[in-house]
Amino acid sequence: MISPPPHHVQRAPRAGSPLLVVWRLLLGLLLGAVVGLIGTVGHRMLWGDLPVGPVLGLALTLSAAVLCRAWSGVGTLLACGAGWLVTVQVLAAEGPGGDVLVPADAIGYVWTYGGLVLFAVAAFLPRRWFVDDPDAG
């Protein structure tokens, strides 16, 4: 016979509990904001003549999007995308001295629009890629 846990032991929230859903959404939002910040600051980086900044930034963006989709579904993916978009747009705005981190040129457009496209790609990947049961989907 299995005895119940002591009353002072807290159980983890159930998979579908509202607290867990909110927690995952907040973490997705935070992850998107951090990825947007890192990518925006580094998207102009060149290695010789190779634009490694946008490549690494977009790879990080796609990785975060797929991670959020695999972790807890499209809701967290959308939260991550919202955090990314808000951060990139705030950092792309003109600063008090007139400086911008994301100028309106080819690399700036690749960074801002390419990231949005990658979130859409992650949203439309086949569902069966994200389930544990090989017979499902």
C-alpha atoms as a PDB file:
ATOM      1  CA  MET A   1       0.000   0.000   0.000  1.00  0.00           C
ATOM      2  CA  ILE A   2       1.308   3.419  -0.985  1.00  0.00           C
ATOM      3  CA  SER A   3       0.958   6.129   1.602  1.00  0.00           C
ATOM      4  CA  PRO A   4      -0.012   9.664   0.538  1.00  0.00           C
ATOM      5  CA  PRO A   5       2.702  12.312   0.564  1.00  0.00           C
ATOM      6  CA  PRO A   6       3.038  14.469   3.676  1.00  0.00           C
ATOM      7  CA  HIS A   7       0.806  17.541   3.737  1.00  0.00           C
ATOM      8  CA  HIS A   8       3.773  19.919   3.431  1.00  0.00           C
ATOM      9  CA  VAL A   9       4.910  18.427   0.112  1.00  0.00           C
ATOM     10  CA  GLN A  10       3.608  20.433  -2.837  1.00  0.00           C
ATOM     11  CA  ARG A  11       2.704  18.589  -5.967  1.00  0.00           C
ATOM     12  CA  ALA A  12       3.719  19.839  -9.389  1.00  0.00           C
ATOM     13  CA  PRO A  13       0.902  21.461 -11.353  1.00  0.00           C
ATOM     14  CA  ARG A  14      -0.975  19.209 -13.753  1.00  0.00           C
ATOM     15  CA  ALA A  15      -0.051  19.421 -17.429  1.00  0.00           C
ATOM     16  CA  GLY A  16      -3.163  21.396 -18.343  1.00  0.00           C
ATOM     17  CA  SER A  17      -3.440  23.564 -15.240  1.00  0.00           C
ATOM     18  CA  PRO A  18      -3.904  27.303 -15.796  1.00  0.00           C
ATOM     19  CA  LEU A  19      -0.867  28.107 -13.656  1.00  0.00           C
ATOM     20  CA  LEU A  20       1.376  25.938 -15.824  1.00  0.00           C
ATOM     21  CA  VAL A  21      -0.053  27.404 -19.031  1.00  0.00           C
ATOM     22  CA  VAL A  22       0.576  30.963 -17.832  1.00  0.00           C
ATOM     23  CA  TRP A  23       4.089  30.025 -16.665  1.00  0.00           C
ATOM     24  CA  ARG A  24       4.934  28.539 -20.076  1.00  0.00           C
ATOM     25  CA  LEU A  25       3.538  31.553 -21.902  1.00  0.00           C
ATOM     26  CA  LEU A  26       5.614  33.911 -19.762  1.00  0.00           C
ATOM     27  CA  LEU A  27       8.750  31.858 -20.319  1.00  0.00           C
ATOM     28  CA  GLY A  28       8.075  31.794 -24.069  1.00  0.00           C
ATOM     29  CA  LEU A  29       7.619  35.566 -24.054  1.00  0.00           C
ATOM     30  CA  LEU A  30      10.878  36.017 -22.140  1.00  0.00           C
ATOM     31  CA  LEU A  31      12.764  33.647 -24.447  1.00  0.00           C
ATOM     32  CA  GLY A  32      11.517  35.529 -27.504  1.00  0.00           C
ATOM     33  CA  ALA A  33      12.578  38.851 -26.005  1.00  0.00           C
ATOM     34  CA  VAL A  34      16.073  37.560 -25.185  1.00  0.00           C
ATOM     35  CA  VAL A  35      16.520  36.042 -28.654  1.00  0.00           C
ATOM     36  CA  GLY A  36      15.270  39.273 -30.240  1.00  0.00           C
ATOM     37  CA  LEU A  37      17.717  41.300 -28.155  1.00  0.00           C
ATOM     38  CA  ILE A  38      20.719  39.085 -28.927  1.00  0.00           C
ATOM     39  CA  GLY A  39      19.870  38.896 -32.616  1.00  0.00           C
ATOM     40  CA  THR A  40      19.239  42.612 -33.006  1.00  0.00           C
ATOM     41  CA  VAL A  41      22.487  43.559 -31.331  1.00  0.00           C
ATOM     42  CA  GLY A  42      24.507  41.017 -33.354  1.00  0.00           C
ATOM     43  CA  HIS A  43      22.745  41.000 -36.718  1.00  0.00           C
ATOM     44  CA  ARG A  44      25.257  43.406 -38.306  1.00  0.00           C
ATOM     45  CA  MET A  45      28.279  41.217 -37.487  1.00  0.00           C
ATOM     46  CA  LEU A  46      30.549  40.300 -40.373  1.00  0.00           C
ATOM     47  CA  TRP A  47      33.353  37.770 -40.541  1.00  0.00           C
ATOM     48  CA  GLY A  48      35.489  39.009 -43.357  1.00  0.00           C
ATOM     49  CA  ASP A  49      32.878  39.612 -46.036  1.00  0.00           C
ATOM     50  CA  LEU A  50      30.481  36.931 -44.743  1.00  0.00           C
ATOM     51  CA  PRO A  51      27.344  38.142 -42.924  1.00  0.00           C
ATOM     52  CA  VAL A  52      27.470  35.731 -40.009  1.00  0.00           C
ATOM     53  CA  GLY A  53      25.345  37.981 -37.773  1.00  0.00           C
ATOM     54  CA  PRO A  54      22.066  37.525 -39.635  1.00  0.00           C
ATOM     55  CA  VAL A  55      22.735  33.817 -40.169  1.00  0.00           C
ATOM     56  CA  LEU A  56      23.426  33.164 -36.491  1.00  0.00           C
ATOM     57  CA  GLY A  57      20.584  35.427 -35.365  1.00  0.00           C
ATOM     58  CA  LEU A  58      18.072  33.721 -37.650  1.00  0.00           C
ATOM     59  CA  ALA A  59      19.337  30.272 -36.650  1.00  0.00           C
ATOM     60  CA  LEU A  60      18.846  31.221 -32.996  1.00  0.00           C
ATOM     61  CA  THR A  61      15.373  32.545 -33.804  1.00  0.00           C
ATOM     62  CA  LEU A  62      14.341  29.343 -35.576  1.00  0.00           C
ATOM     63  CA  SER A  63      15.762  27.252 -32.735  1.00  0.00           C
ATOM     64  CA  ALA A  64      13.758  29.185 -30.149  1.00  0.00           C
ATOM     65  CA  ALA A  65      10.593  28.913 -32.239  1.00  0.00           C
ATOM     66  CA  VAL A  66      10.923  25.160 -32.704  1.00  0.00           C
ATOM     67  CA  LEU A  67      11.802  24.712 -29.033  1.00  0.00           C
ATOM     68  CA  CYS A  68       8.670  26.548 -27.919  1.00  0.00           C
ATOM     69  CA  ARG A  69       6.479  24.625 -30.361  1.00  0.00           C
ATOM     70  CA  ALA A  70       7.911  21.287 -29.222  1.00  0.00           C
ATOM     71  CA  TRP A  71       7.809  22.210 -25.549  1.00  0.00           C
ATOM     72  CA  SER A  72       4.170  23.184 -25.219  1.00  0.00           C
ATOM     73  CA  GLY A  73       2.543  23.932 -28.524  1.00  0.00           C
ATOM     74  CA  VAL A  74       1.490  26.829 -30.653  1.00  0.00           C
ATOM     75  CA  GLY A  75       0.454  29.087 -27.757  1.00  0.00           C
ATOM     76  CA  THR A  76       3.971  29.244 -26.388  1.00  0.00           C
ATOM     77  CA  LEU A  77       5.306  29.656 -29.925  1.00  0.00           C
ATOM     78  CA  LEU A  78       3.051  32.688 -30.376  1.00  0.00           C
ATOM     79  CA  ALA A  79       4.193  34.115 -27.032  1.00  0.00           C
ATOM     80  CA  CYS A  80       7.818  33.655 -28.078  1.00  0.00           C
ATOM     81  CA  GLY A  81       7.077  35.337 -31.403  1.00  0.00           C
ATOM     82  CA  ALA A  82       5.369  38.244 -29.642  1.00  0.00           C
ATOM     83  CA  GLY A  83       8.344  38.745 -27.325  1.00  0.00           C
ATOM     84  CA  TRP A  84      10.713  38.594 -30.297  1.00  0.00           C
ATOM     85  CA  LEU A  85       8.657  41.009 -32.409  1.00  0.00           C
ATOM     86  CA  VAL A  86       8.171  43.613 -29.680  1.00  0.00           C
ATOM     87  CA  THR A  87      11.860  43.562 -28.745  1.00  0.00           C
ATOM     88  CA  VAL A  88      13.060  43.824 -32.347  1.00  0.00           C
ATOM     89  CA  GLN A  89      10.639  46.655 -33.138  1.00  0.00           C
ATOM     90  CA  VAL A  90      11.523  48.626 -30.009  1.00  0.00           C
ATOM     91  CA  LEU A  91      15.231  48.265 -30.731  1.00  0.00           C
ATOM     92  CA  ALA A  92      14.696  49.165 -34.394  1.00  0.00           C
ATOM     93  CA  ALA A  93      13.130  52.499 -33.490  1.00  0.00           C
ATOM     94  CA  GLU A  94      15.208  55.641 -33.667  1.00  0.00           C
ATOM     95  CA  GLY A  95      16.991  56.407 -30.424  1.00  0.00           C
ATOM     96  CA  PRO A  96      17.187  59.786 -28.651  1.00  0.00           C
ATOM     97  CA  GLY A  97      20.347  60.734 -30.545  1.00  0.00           C
ATOM     98  CA  GLY A  98      18.958  59.639 -33.910  1.00  0.00           C
ATOM     99  CA  ASP A  99      20.825  56.313 -33.961  1.00  0.00           C
ATOM    100  CA  VAL A 100      19.178  53.070 -35.052  1.00  0.00           C
ATOM    101  CA  LEU A 101      20.251  49.467 -34.440  1.00  0.00           C
ATOM    102  CA  VAL A 102      18.343  48.124 -37.438  1.00  0.00           C
ATOM    103  CA  PRO A 103      18.780  50.447 -40.419  1.00  0.00           C
ATOM    104  CA  ALA A 104      16.446  50.197 -43.411  1.00  0.00           C
ATOM    105  CA  ASP A 105      18.829  48.240 -45.638  1.00  0.00           C
ATOM    106  CA  ALA A 106      19.060  44.668 -46.929  1.00  0.00           C
ATOM    107  CA  ILE A 107      20.528  43.176 -43.749  1.00  0.00           C
ATOM    108  CA  GLY A 108      17.977  44.991 -41.566  1.00  0.00           C
ATOM    109  CA  TYR A 109      15.099  43.721 -43.715  1.00  0.00           C
ATOM    110  CA  VAL A 110      16.483  40.171 -43.689  1.00  0.00           C
ATOM    111  CA  TRP A 111      16.681  40.281 -39.907  1.00  0.00           C
ATOM    112  CA  THR A 112      13.214  41.718 -39.221  1.00  0.00           C
ATOM    113  CA  TYR A 113      11.180  39.980 -41.911  1.00  0.00           C
ATOM    114  CA  GLY A 114      13.257  36.796 -41.951  1.00  0.00           C
ATOM    115  CA  GLY A 115      12.599  36.240 -38.260  1.00  0.00           C
ATOM    116  CA  LEU A 116       8.859  36.620 -38.757  1.00  0.00           C
ATOM    117  CA  VAL A 117       8.961  34.125 -41.624  1.00  0.00           C
ATOM    118  CA  LEU A 118      10.833  31.635 -39.435  1.00  0.00           C
ATOM    119  CA  PHE A 119       8.173  31.862 -36.717  1.00  0.00           C
ATOM    120  CA  ALA A 120       5.557  31.141 -39.383  1.00  0.00           C
ATOM    121  CA  VAL A 121       7.618  28.187 -40.635  1.00  0.00           C
ATOM    122  CA  ALA A 122       7.804  26.768 -37.108  1.00  0.00           C
ATOM    123  CA  ALA A 123       4.052  27.224 -36.705  1.00  0.00           C
ATOM    124  CA  PHE A 124       3.280  25.282 -39.867  1.00  0.00           C
ATOM    125  CA  LEU A 125       5.684  22.376 -39.377  1.00  0.00           C
ATOM    126  CA  PRO A 126       3.898  19.015 -39.297  1.00  0.00           C
ATOM    127  CA  ARG A 127       2.338  18.171 -35.937  1.00  0.00           C
ATOM    128  CA  ARG A 128       3.712  14.633 -36.036  1.00  0.00           C
ATOM    129  CA  TRP A 129       7.241  16.034 -35.641  1.00  0.00           C
ATOM    130  CA  PHE A 130       6.293  17.191 -32.152  1.00  0.00           C
ATOM    131  CA  VAL A 131       4.546  14.138 -30.688  1.00  0.00           C
ATOM    132  CA  ASP A 132       6.156  11.250 -28.860  1.00  0.00           C
ATOM    133  CA  ASP A 133       3.815   8.599 -30.240  1.00  0.00           C
ATOM    134  CA  PRO A 134       5.014   7.561 -33.722  1.00  0.00           C
ATOM    135  CA  ASP A 135       1.512   6.254 -34.578  1.00  0.00           C
ATOM    136  CA  ALA A 136      -0.206   9.554 -33.771  1.00  0.00           C
ATOM    137  CA  GLY A 137      -0.723  12.430 -36.164  1.00  0.00           C
END
